[in-house]
Amino acid sequence: MRGMGNMQGMMKQMQKMQKEMEATKANLDQQEFKGQAGNGLVEITMTGDKRVKDVMIKPEVADPDDIEMIQDLVLAATNNVLEMIDAETERVMGKYAKSIPGM
């Protein structure tokens, strides 16, 4: 019967870790990240749950004859901020995967 106490302790520890993971993820989801392209000519702000909050394009970018450049800069800034969010997610959530055997 000694093994049952150990199992219950392990289950409590897993439940505690799950609550910590949920709180950490909720905090991460609320964080804001800014990605840039073209030396700051285009900036995208997103939350950790990958929702676009703002797109800022500096006026000097707006050459009506070169809309493709603006589109490329918006794409680059979006990809830049998504990489930041992924890196931060791995940094703060990775500790949970490391503590679970077999992950």
PDB file of N, CA and C in Angstrom:
ATOM      1  N   MET A   1       0.810  -1.199   0.000  1.00  0.00           N
ATOM      2  CA  MET A   1       0.000   0.000   0.000  1.00  0.00           C
ATOM      3  C   MET A   1       0.857   1.268   0.000  1.00  0.00           C
ATOM      4  N   ARG A   2       2.162   1.135   0.276  1.00  0.00           N
ATOM      5  CA  ARG A   2       3.003   2.321   0.311  1.00  0.00           C
ATOM      6  C   ARG A   2       3.080   2.996  -1.053  1.00  0.00           C
ATOM      7  N   GLY A   3       2.946   2.236  -2.093  1.00  0.00           N
ATOM      8  CA  GLY A   3       3.004   2.783  -3.439  1.00  0.00           C
ATOM      9  C   GLY A   3       1.851   3.718  -3.753  1.00  0.00           C
ATOM     10  N   MET A   4       0.693   3.506  -3.111  1.00  0.00           N
ATOM     11  CA  MET A   4      -0.477   4.363  -3.363  1.00  0.00           C
ATOM     12  C   MET A   4      -0.224   5.789  -2.890  1.00  0.00           C
ATOM     13  N   GLY A   5       0.430   5.940  -1.746  1.00  0.00           N
ATOM     14  CA  GLY A   5       0.746   7.279  -1.235  1.00  0.00           C
ATOM     15  C   GLY A   5       1.673   8.022  -2.178  1.00  0.00           C
ATOM     16  N   ASN A   6       2.626   7.298  -2.724  1.00  0.00           N
ATOM     17  CA  ASN A   6       3.559   7.874  -3.674  1.00  0.00           C
ATOM     18  C   ASN A   6       2.821   8.309  -4.942  1.00  0.00           C
ATOM     19  N   MET A   7       1.866   7.494  -5.381  1.00  0.00           N
ATOM     20  CA  MET A   7       1.082   7.796  -6.573  1.00  0.00           C
ATOM     21  C   MET A   7       0.224   9.044  -6.350  1.00  0.00           C
ATOM     22  N   GLN A   8      -0.379   9.129  -5.159  1.00  0.00           N
ATOM     23  CA  GLN A   8      -1.196  10.306  -4.850  1.00  0.00           C
ATOM     24  C   GLN A   8      -0.341  11.566  -4.814  1.00  0.00           C
ATOM     25  N   GLY A   9       0.831  11.450  -4.250  1.00  0.00           N
ATOM     26  CA  GLY A   9       1.750  12.585  -4.210  1.00  0.00           C
ATOM     27  C   GLY A   9       2.145  13.029  -5.611  1.00  0.00           C
ATOM     28  N   MET A  10       2.385  12.056  -6.472  1.00  0.00           N
ATOM     29  CA  MET A  10       2.740  12.360  -7.845  1.00  0.00           C
ATOM     30  C   MET A  10       1.573  13.034  -8.576  1.00  0.00           C
ATOM     31  N   MET A  11       0.350  12.565  -8.325  1.00  0.00           N
ATOM     32  CA  MET A  11      -0.832  13.161  -8.953  1.00  0.00           C
ATOM     33  C   MET A  11      -1.011  14.609  -8.483  1.00  0.00           C
ATOM     34  N   LYS A  12      -0.801  14.863  -7.208  1.00  0.00           N
ATOM     35  CA  LYS A  12      -0.911  16.224  -6.682  1.00  0.00           C
ATOM     36  C   LYS A  12       0.140  17.122  -7.320  1.00  0.00           C
ATOM     37  N   GLN A  13       1.332  16.584  -7.473  1.00  0.00           N
ATOM     38  CA  GLN A  13       2.409  17.348  -8.086  1.00  0.00           C
ATOM     39  C   GLN A  13       2.068  17.674  -9.542  1.00  0.00           C
ATOM     40  N   MET A  14       1.501  16.719 -10.255  1.00  0.00           N
ATOM     41  CA  MET A  14       1.102  16.942 -11.655  1.00  0.00           C
ATOM     42  C   MET A  14      -0.005  17.985 -11.746  1.00  0.00           C
ATOM     43  N   GLN A  15      -0.980  17.925 -10.831  1.00  0.00           N
ATOM     44  CA  GLN A  15      -2.057  18.911 -10.828  1.00  0.00           C
ATOM     45  C   GLN A  15      -1.508  20.307 -10.548  1.00  0.00           C
ATOM     46  N   LYS A  16      -0.564  20.392  -9.621  1.00  0.00           N
ATOM     47  CA  LYS A  16       0.052  21.677  -9.295  1.00  0.00           C
ATOM     48  C   LYS A  16       0.793  22.221 -10.519  1.00  0.00           C
ATOM     49  N   MET A  17       1.542  21.341 -11.180  1.00  0.00           N
ATOM     50  CA  MET A  17       2.282  21.753 -12.358  1.00  0.00           C
ATOM     51  C   MET A  17       1.329  22.190 -13.474  1.00  0.00           C
ATOM     52  N   GLN A  18       0.197  21.499 -13.625  1.00  0.00           N
ATOM     53  CA  GLN A  18      -0.768  21.876 -14.648  1.00  0.00           C
ATOM     54  C   GLN A  18      -1.324  23.268 -14.371  1.00  0.00           C
ATOM     55  N   LYS A  19      -1.629  23.577 -13.118  1.00  0.00           N
ATOM     56  CA  LYS A  19      -2.127  24.912 -12.768  1.00  0.00           C
ATOM     57  C   LYS A  19      -1.068  25.971 -13.035  1.00  0.00           C
ATOM     58  N   GLU A  20       0.182  25.657 -12.712  1.00  0.00           N
ATOM     59  CA  GLU A  20       1.274  26.592 -12.985  1.00  0.00           C
ATOM     60  C   GLU A  20       1.429  26.820 -14.485  1.00  0.00           C
ATOM     61  N   MET A  21       1.311  25.746 -15.267  1.00  0.00           N
ATOM     62  CA  MET A  21       1.406  25.860 -16.721  1.00  0.00           C
ATOM     63  C   MET A  21       0.304  26.752 -17.265  1.00  0.00           C
ATOM     64  N   GLU A  22      -0.909  26.545 -16.784  1.00  0.00           N
ATOM     65  CA  GLU A  22      -2.042  27.350 -17.250  1.00  0.00           C
ATOM     66  C   GLU A  22      -1.845  28.818 -16.909  1.00  0.00           C
ATOM     67  N   ALA A  23      -1.364  29.102 -15.701  1.00  0.00           N
ATOM     68  CA  ALA A  23      -1.127  30.488 -15.290  1.00  0.00           C
ATOM     69  C   ALA A  23      -0.007  31.120 -16.118  1.00  0.00           C
ATOM     70  N   THR A  24       1.040  30.337 -16.357  1.00  0.00           N
ATOM     71  CA  THR A  24       2.162  30.836 -17.156  1.00  0.00           C
ATOM     72  C   THR A  24       1.710  31.125 -18.579  1.00  0.00           C
ATOM     73  N   LYS A  25       0.933  30.229 -19.157  1.00  0.00           N
ATOM     74  CA  LYS A  25       0.431  30.417 -20.527  1.00  0.00           C
ATOM     75  C   LYS A  25      -0.499  31.622 -20.602  1.00  0.00           C
ATOM     76  N   ALA A  26      -1.368  31.803 -19.606  1.00  0.00           N
ATOM     77  CA  ALA A  26      -2.274  32.951 -19.593  1.00  0.00           C
ATOM     78  C   ALA A  26      -1.467  34.251 -19.533  1.00  0.00           C
ATOM     79  N   ASN A  27      -0.410  34.252 -18.731  1.00  0.00           N
ATOM     80  CA  ASN A  27       0.448  35.428 -18.639  1.00  0.00           C
ATOM     81  C   ASN A  27       1.142  35.693 -19.975  1.00  0.00           C
ATOM     82  N   LEU A  28       1.652  34.647 -20.581  1.00  0.00           N
ATOM     83  CA  LEU A  28       2.310  34.765 -21.876  1.00  0.00           C
ATOM     84  C   LEU A  28       1.341  35.284 -22.937  1.00  0.00           C
ATOM     85  N   ASP A  29       0.118  34.799 -22.926  1.00  0.00           N
ATOM     86  CA  ASP A  29      -0.877  35.223 -23.904  1.00  0.00           C
ATOM     87  C   ASP A  29      -1.165  36.719 -23.824  1.00  0.00           C
ATOM     88  N   GLN A  30      -1.024  37.307 -22.633  1.00  0.00           N
ATOM     89  CA  GLN A  30      -1.307  38.731 -22.436  1.00  0.00           C
ATOM     90  C   GLN A  30      -0.117  39.631 -22.776  1.00  0.00           C
ATOM     91  N   GLN A  31       1.073  39.042 -22.827  1.00  0.00           N
ATOM     92  CA  GLN A  31       2.269  39.819 -23.126  1.00  0.00           C
ATOM     93  C   GLN A  31       2.200  40.379 -24.536  1.00  0.00           C
ATOM     94  N   GLU A  32       2.784  41.561 -24.749  1.00  0.00           N
ATOM     95  CA  GLU A  32       2.848  42.142 -26.083  1.00  0.00           C
ATOM     96  C   GLU A  32       4.264  42.045 -26.635  1.00  0.00           C
ATOM     97  N   PHE A  33       4.351  41.758 -27.930  1.00  0.00           N
ATOM     98  CA  PHE A  33       5.616  41.629 -28.633  1.00  0.00           C
ATOM     99  C   PHE A  33       5.582  42.551 -29.843  1.00  0.00           C
ATOM    100  N   LYS A  34       6.719  43.173 -30.145  1.00  0.00           N
ATOM    101  CA  LYS A  34       6.802  44.050 -31.310  1.00  0.00           C
ATOM    102  C   LYS A  34       7.853  43.506 -32.264  1.00  0.00           C
ATOM    103  N   GLY A  35       7.447  43.299 -33.501  1.00  0.00           N
ATOM    104  CA  GLY A  35       8.378  42.892 -34.544  1.00  0.00           C
ATOM    105  C   GLY A  35       8.554  44.042 -35.513  1.00  0.00           C
ATOM    106  N   GLN A  36       9.758  44.141 -36.083  1.00  0.00           N
ATOM    107  CA  GLN A  36      10.058  45.249 -36.984  1.00  0.00           C
ATOM    108  C   GLN A  36      10.645  44.745 -38.285  1.00  0.00           C
ATOM    109  N   ALA A  37      10.530  45.598 -39.293  1.00  0.00           N
ATOM    110  CA  ALA A  37      11.182  45.344 -40.573  1.00  0.00           C
ATOM    111  C   ALA A  37      11.614  46.694 -41.145  1.00  0.00           C
ATOM    112  N   GLY A  38      12.616  46.650 -41.998  1.00  0.00           N
ATOM    113  CA  GLY A  38      13.078  47.880 -42.646  1.00  0.00           C
ATOM    114  C   GLY A  38      13.591  48.905 -41.659  1.00  0.00           C
ATOM    115  N   ASN A  39      14.388  48.471 -40.686  1.00  0.00           N
ATOM    116  CA  ASN A  39      14.935  49.377 -39.666  1.00  0.00           C
ATOM    117  C   ASN A  39      13.852  50.175 -38.950  1.00  0.00           C
ATOM    118  N   GLY A  40      12.749  49.507 -38.637  1.00  0.00           N
ATOM    119  CA  GLY A  40      11.682  50.157 -37.881  1.00  0.00           C
ATOM    120  C   GLY A  40      10.667  50.905 -38.729  1.00  0.00           C
ATOM    121  N   LEU A  41      10.761  50.794 -40.046  1.00  0.00           N
ATOM    122  CA  LEU A  41       9.778  51.468 -40.902  1.00  0.00           C
ATOM    123  C   LEU A  41       8.404  50.832 -40.768  1.00  0.00           C
ATOM    124  N   VAL A  42       8.390  49.540 -40.484  1.00  0.00           N
ATOM    125  CA  VAL A  42       7.138  48.818 -40.264  1.00  0.00           C
ATOM    126  C   VAL A  42       7.272  48.078 -38.941  1.00  0.00           C
ATOM    127  N   GLU A  43       6.228  48.210 -38.113  1.00  0.00           N
ATOM    128  CA  GLU A  43       6.239  47.536 -36.817  1.00  0.00           C
ATOM    129  C   GLU A  43       4.885  46.873 -36.595  1.00  0.00           C
ATOM    130  N   ILE A  44       4.936  45.614 -36.140  1.00  0.00           N
ATOM    131  CA  ILE A  44       3.731  44.848 -35.839  1.00  0.00           C
ATOM    132  C   ILE A  44       3.745  44.547 -34.346  1.00  0.00           C
ATOM    133  N   THR A  45       2.621  44.787 -33.679  1.00  0.00           N
ATOM    134  CA  THR A  45       2.480  44.439 -32.267  1.00  0.00           C
ATOM    135  C   THR A  45       1.478  43.303 -32.172  1.00  0.00           C
ATOM    136  N   MET A  46       1.890  42.226 -31.481  1.00  0.00           N
ATOM    137  CA  MET A  46       1.023  41.068 -31.293  1.00  0.00           C
ATOM    138  C   MET A  46       1.062  40.653 -29.833  1.00  0.00           C
ATOM    139  N   THR A  47       0.035  39.927 -29.423  1.00  0.00           N
ATOM    140  CA  THR A  47       0.030  39.339 -28.094  1.00  0.00           C
ATOM    141  C   THR A  47       0.614  37.934 -28.188  1.00  0.00           C
ATOM    142  N   GLY A  48       0.919  37.359 -27.027  1.00  0.00           N
ATOM    143  CA  GLY A  48       1.508  36.031 -26.985  1.00  0.00           C
ATOM    144  C   GLY A  48       0.622  34.947 -27.563  1.00  0.00           C
ATOM    145  N   ASP A  49      -0.687  35.207 -27.648  1.00  0.00           N
ATOM    146  CA  ASP A  49      -1.573  34.228 -28.277  1.00  0.00           C
ATOM    147  C   ASP A  49      -1.732  34.509 -29.774  1.00  0.00           C
ATOM    148  N   LYS A  50      -0.779  35.293 -30.300  1.00  0.00           N
ATOM    149  CA  LYS A  50      -0.631  35.549 -31.738  1.00  0.00           C
ATOM    150  C   LYS A  50      -1.808  36.299 -32.346  1.00  0.00           C
ATOM    151  N   ARG A  51      -2.283  37.301 -31.614  1.00  0.00           N
ATOM    152  CA  ARG A  51      -3.316  38.206 -32.125  1.00  0.00           C
ATOM    153  C   ARG A  51      -2.648  39.530 -32.476  1.00  0.00           C
ATOM    154  N   VAL A  52      -2.867  40.013 -33.687  1.00  0.00           N
ATOM    155  CA  VAL A  52      -2.290  41.291 -34.101  1.00  0.00           C
ATOM    156  C   VAL A  52      -3.036  42.418 -33.388  1.00  0.00           C
ATOM    157  N   LYS A  53      -2.286  43.248 -32.677  1.00  0.00           N
ATOM    158  CA  LYS A  53      -2.878  44.375 -31.947  1.00  0.00           C
ATOM    159  C   LYS A  53      -2.696  45.684 -32.707  1.00  0.00           C
ATOM    160  N   ASP A  54      -1.578  45.812 -33.440  1.00  0.00           N
ATOM    161  CA  ASP A  54      -1.302  47.079 -34.108  1.00  0.00           C
ATOM    162  C   ASP A  54      -0.342  46.846 -35.269  1.00  0.00           C
ATOM    163  N   VAL A  55      -0.540  47.635 -36.309  1.00  0.00           N
ATOM    164  CA  VAL A  55       0.382  47.688 -37.440  1.00  0.00           C
ATOM    165  C   VAL A  55       0.745  49.153 -37.615  1.00  0.00           C
ATOM    166  N   MET A  56       2.044  49.465 -37.543  1.00  0.00           N
ATOM    167  CA  MET A  56       2.500  50.832 -37.697  1.00  0.00           C
ATOM    168  C   MET A  56       3.402  50.896 -38.916  1.00  0.00           C
ATOM    169  N   ILE A  57       3.067  51.792 -39.834  1.00  0.00           N
ATOM    170  CA  ILE A  57       3.877  52.001 -41.027  1.00  0.00           C
ATOM    171  C   ILE A  57       4.254  53.480 -41.048  1.00  0.00           C
ATOM    172  N   LYS A  58       5.546  53.754 -41.038  1.00  0.00           N
ATOM    173  CA  LYS A  58       6.004  55.146 -41.055  1.00  0.00           C
ATOM    174  C   LYS A  58       5.679  55.767 -42.415  1.00  0.00           C
ATOM    175  N   PRO A  59       5.302  57.038 -42.410  1.00  0.00           N
ATOM    176  CA  PRO A  59       4.869  57.707 -43.651  1.00  0.00           C
ATOM    177  C   PRO A  59       5.886  57.638 -44.788  1.00  0.00           C
ATOM    178  N   GLU A  60       7.180  57.651 -44.483  1.00  0.00           N
ATOM    179  CA  GLU A  60       8.183  57.638 -45.549  1.00  0.00           C
ATOM    180  C   GLU A  60       8.198  56.343 -46.349  1.00  0.00           C
ATOM    181  N   VAL A  61       7.500  55.318 -45.871  1.00  0.00           N
ATOM    182  CA  VAL A  61       7.414  54.048 -46.588  1.00  0.00           C
ATOM    183  C   VAL A  61       6.371  54.122 -47.696  1.00  0.00           C
ATOM    184  N   ALA A  62       5.391  54.979 -47.537  1.00  0.00           N
ATOM    185  CA  ALA A  62       4.209  54.990 -48.402  1.00  0.00           C
ATOM    186  C   ALA A  62       4.478  55.620 -49.769  1.00  0.00           C
ATOM    187  N   ASP A  63       5.200  54.913 -50.583  1.00  0.00           N
ATOM    188  CA  ASP A  63       5.391  55.295 -51.976  1.00  0.00           C
ATOM    189  C   ASP A  63       4.307  54.577 -52.775  1.00  0.00           C
ATOM    190  N   PRO A  64       3.331  55.322 -53.281  1.00  0.00           N
ATOM    191  CA  PRO A  64       2.211  54.669 -53.982  1.00  0.00           C
ATOM    192  C   PRO A  64       2.649  53.817 -55.175  1.00  0.00           C
ATOM    193  N   ASP A  65       3.850  54.068 -55.698  1.00  0.00           N
ATOM    194  CA  ASP A  65       4.335  53.288 -56.831  1.00  0.00           C
ATOM    195  C   ASP A  65       5.023  51.998 -56.392  1.00  0.00           C
ATOM    196  N   ASP A  66       5.180  51.790 -55.074  1.00  0.00           N
ATOM    197  CA  ASP A  66       5.892  50.611 -54.599  1.00  0.00           C
ATOM    198  C   ASP A  66       5.140  49.939 -53.441  1.00  0.00           C
ATOM    199  N   ILE A  67       3.893  49.598 -53.690  1.00  0.00           N
ATOM    200  CA  ILE A  67       3.070  48.930 -52.684  1.00  0.00           C
ATOM    201  C   ILE A  67       3.673  47.572 -52.315  1.00  0.00           C
ATOM    202  N   GLU A  68       4.329  46.909 -53.260  1.00  0.00           N
ATOM    203  CA  GLU A  68       4.933  45.603 -52.984  1.00  0.00           C
ATOM    204  C   GLU A  68       5.958  45.687 -51.860  1.00  0.00           C
ATOM    205  N   MET A  69       6.723  46.778 -51.800  1.00  0.00           N
ATOM    206  CA  MET A  69       7.712  46.929 -50.735  1.00  0.00           C
ATOM    207  C   MET A  69       7.012  46.996 -49.375  1.00  0.00           C
ATOM    208  N   ILE A  70       5.911  47.731 -49.295  1.00  0.00           N
ATOM    209  CA  ILE A  70       5.159  47.825 -48.036  1.00  0.00           C
ATOM    210  C   ILE A  70       4.649  46.443 -47.637  1.00  0.00           C
ATOM    211  N   GLN A  71       4.123  45.720 -48.590  1.00  0.00           N
ATOM    212  CA  GLN A  71       3.624  44.379 -48.303  1.00  0.00           C
ATOM    213  C   GLN A  71       4.748  43.479 -47.810  1.00  0.00           C
ATOM    214  N   ASP A  72       5.912  43.554 -48.428  1.00  0.00           N
ATOM    215  CA  ASP A  72       7.069  42.748 -48.007  1.00  0.00           C
ATOM    216  C   ASP A  72       7.507  43.112 -46.596  1.00  0.00           C
ATOM    217  N   LEU A  73       7.508  44.411 -46.274  1.00  0.00           N
ATOM    218  CA  LEU A  73       7.909  44.848 -44.941  1.00  0.00           C
ATOM    219  C   LEU A  73       6.910  44.396 -43.883  1.00  0.00           C
ATOM    220  N   VAL A  74       5.617  44.465 -44.196  1.00  0.00           N
ATOM    221  CA  VAL A  74       4.598  43.994 -43.246  1.00  0.00           C
ATOM    222  C   VAL A  74       4.760  42.491 -43.025  1.00  0.00           C
ATOM    223  N   LEU A  75       4.985  41.759 -44.083  1.00  0.00           N
ATOM    224  CA  LEU A  75       5.208  40.312 -43.969  1.00  0.00           C
ATOM    225  C   LEU A  75       6.444  40.021 -43.120  1.00  0.00           C
ATOM    226  N   ALA A  76       7.544  40.732 -43.367  1.00  0.00           N
ATOM    227  CA  ALA A  76       8.777  40.510 -42.612  1.00  0.00           C
ATOM    228  C   ALA A  76       8.583  40.859 -41.135  1.00  0.00           C
ATOM    229  N   ALA A  77       7.906  41.960 -40.833  1.00  0.00           N
ATOM    230  CA  ALA A  77       7.671  42.345 -39.441  1.00  0.00           C
ATOM    231  C   ALA A  77       6.775  41.328 -38.738  1.00  0.00           C
ATOM    232  N   THR A  78       5.773  40.822 -39.445  1.00  0.00           N
ATOM    233  CA  THR A  78       4.883  39.815 -38.868  1.00  0.00           C
ATOM    234  C   THR A  78       5.660  38.545 -38.539  1.00  0.00           C
ATOM    235  N   ASN A  79       6.467  38.089 -39.480  1.00  0.00           N
ATOM    236  CA  ASN A  79       7.265  36.887 -39.225  1.00  0.00           C
ATOM    237  C   ASN A  79       8.263  37.120 -38.095  1.00  0.00           C
ATOM    238  N   ASN A  80       8.822  38.321 -38.006  1.00  0.00           N
ATOM    239  CA  ASN A  80       9.761  38.653 -36.941  1.00  0.00           C
ATOM    240  C   ASN A  80       9.102  38.552 -35.578  1.00  0.00           C
ATOM    241  N   VAL A  81       7.906  39.113 -35.427  1.00  0.00           N
ATOM    242  CA  VAL A  81       7.234  39.077 -34.128  1.00  0.00           C
ATOM    243  C   VAL A  81       6.758  37.666 -33.792  1.00  0.00           C
ATOM    244  N   LEU A  82       6.347  36.892 -34.787  1.00  0.00           N
ATOM    245  CA  LEU A  82       5.951  35.503 -34.529  1.00  0.00           C
ATOM    246  C   LEU A  82       7.136  34.677 -34.026  1.00  0.00           C
ATOM    247  N   GLU A  83       8.322  34.925 -34.571  1.00  0.00           N
ATOM    248  CA  GLU A  83       9.522  34.237 -34.092  1.00  0.00           C
ATOM    249  C   GLU A  83       9.797  34.602 -32.636  1.00  0.00           C
ATOM    250  N   MET A  84       9.608  35.877 -32.275  1.00  0.00           N
ATOM    251  CA  MET A  84       9.816  36.312 -30.891  1.00  0.00           C
ATOM    252  C   MET A  84       8.841  35.610 -29.950  1.00  0.00           C
ATOM    253  N   ILE A  85       7.587  35.522 -30.361  1.00  0.00           N
ATOM    254  CA  ILE A  85       6.572  34.871 -29.526  1.00  0.00           C
ATOM    255  C   ILE A  85       6.902  33.395 -29.355  1.00  0.00           C
ATOM    256  N   ASP A  86       7.287  32.730 -30.437  1.00  0.00           N
ATOM    257  CA  ASP A  86       7.642  31.312 -30.344  1.00  0.00           C
ATOM    258  C   ASP A  86       8.839  31.101 -29.413  1.00  0.00           C
ATOM    259  N   ALA A  87       9.846  31.970 -29.517  1.00  0.00           N
ATOM    260  CA  ALA A  87      11.034  31.840 -28.670  1.00  0.00           C
ATOM    261  C   ALA A  87      10.674  32.053 -27.201  1.00  0.00           C
ATOM    262  N   GLU A  88       9.838  33.043 -26.915  1.00  0.00           N
ATOM    263  CA  GLU A  88       9.446  33.308 -25.532  1.00  0.00           C
ATOM    264  C   GLU A  88       8.571  32.184 -24.991  1.00  0.00           C
ATOM    265  N   THR A  89       7.689  31.654 -25.838  1.00  0.00           N
ATOM    266  CA  THR A  89       6.848  30.532 -25.423  1.00  0.00           C
ATOM    267  C   THR A  89       7.706  29.331 -25.064  1.00  0.00           C
ATOM    268  N   GLU A  90       8.685  29.041 -25.886  1.00  0.00           N
ATOM    269  CA  GLU A  90       9.598  27.918 -25.607  1.00  0.00           C
ATOM    270  C   GLU A  90      10.370  28.172 -24.319  1.00  0.00           C
ATOM    271  N   ARG A  91      10.810  29.418 -24.124  1.00  0.00           N
ATOM    272  CA  ARG A  91      11.593  29.743 -22.936  1.00  0.00           C
ATOM    273  C   ARG A  91      10.779  29.560 -21.658  1.00  0.00           C
ATOM    274  N   VAL A  92       9.534  30.054 -21.638  1.00  0.00           N
ATOM    275  CA  VAL A  92       8.773  29.997 -20.391  1.00  0.00           C
ATOM    276  C   VAL A  92       7.986  28.707 -20.221  1.00  0.00           C
ATOM    277  N   MET A  93       7.623  28.052 -21.298  1.00  0.00           N
ATOM    278  CA  MET A  93       6.842  26.823 -21.195  1.00  0.00           C
ATOM    279  C   MET A  93       7.716  25.578 -21.266  1.00  0.00           C
ATOM    280  N   GLY A  94       8.921  25.698 -21.804  1.00  0.00           N
ATOM    281  CA  GLY A  94       9.804  24.555 -21.965  1.00  0.00           C
ATOM    282  C   GLY A  94      10.166  23.881 -20.655  1.00  0.00           C
ATOM    283  N   LYS A  95      10.183  24.650 -19.575  1.00  0.00           N
ATOM    284  CA  LYS A  95      10.544  24.062 -18.277  1.00  0.00           C
ATOM    285  C   LYS A  95       9.541  22.996 -17.857  1.00  0.00           C
ATOM    286  N   TYR A  96       8.300  23.131 -18.294  1.00  0.00           N
ATOM    287  CA  TYR A  96       7.293  22.129 -17.935  1.00  0.00           C
ATOM    288  C   TYR A  96       7.527  20.830 -18.697  1.00  0.00           C
ATOM    289  N   ALA A  97       7.857  20.952 -19.973  1.00  0.00           N
ATOM    290  CA  ALA A  97       8.107  19.747 -20.776  1.00  0.00           C
ATOM    291  C   ALA A  97       9.326  19.004 -20.242  1.00  0.00           C
ATOM    292  N   LYS A  98      10.329  19.752 -19.772  1.00  0.00           N
ATOM    293  CA  LYS A  98      11.540  19.118 -19.251  1.00  0.00           C
ATOM    294  C   LYS A  98      11.282  18.349 -17.970  1.00  0.00           C
ATOM    295  N   SER A  99      10.281  18.766 -17.203  1.00  0.00           N
ATOM    296  CA  SER A  99      10.033  18.100 -15.925  1.00  0.00           C
ATOM    297  C   SER A  99       9.070  16.912 -16.042  1.00  0.00           C
ATOM    298  N   ILE A 100       8.527  16.683 -17.247  1.00  0.00           N
ATOM    299  CA  ILE A 100       7.630  15.556 -17.465  1.00  0.00           C
ATOM    300  C   ILE A 100       8.421  14.439 -18.135  1.00  0.00           C
ATOM    301  N   PRO A 101       8.516  13.286 -17.492  1.00  0.00           N
ATOM    302  CA  PRO A 101       9.268  12.179 -18.091  1.00  0.00           C
ATOM    303  C   PRO A 101       8.710  11.785 -19.448  1.00  0.00           C
ATOM    304  N   GLY A 102       9.592  11.553 -20.370  1.00  0.00           N
ATOM    305  CA  GLY A 102       9.178  11.105 -21.700  1.00  0.00           C
ATOM    306  C   GLY A 102       8.859  12.222 -22.663  1.00  0.00           C
ATOM    307  N   MET A 103       8.970  13.479 -22.231  1.00  0.00           N
ATOM    308  CA  MET A 103       8.675  14.618 -23.118  1.00  0.00           C
ATOM    309  C   MET A 103       9.946  15.145 -23.715  1.00  0.00           C
TER     310      MET A 103
END
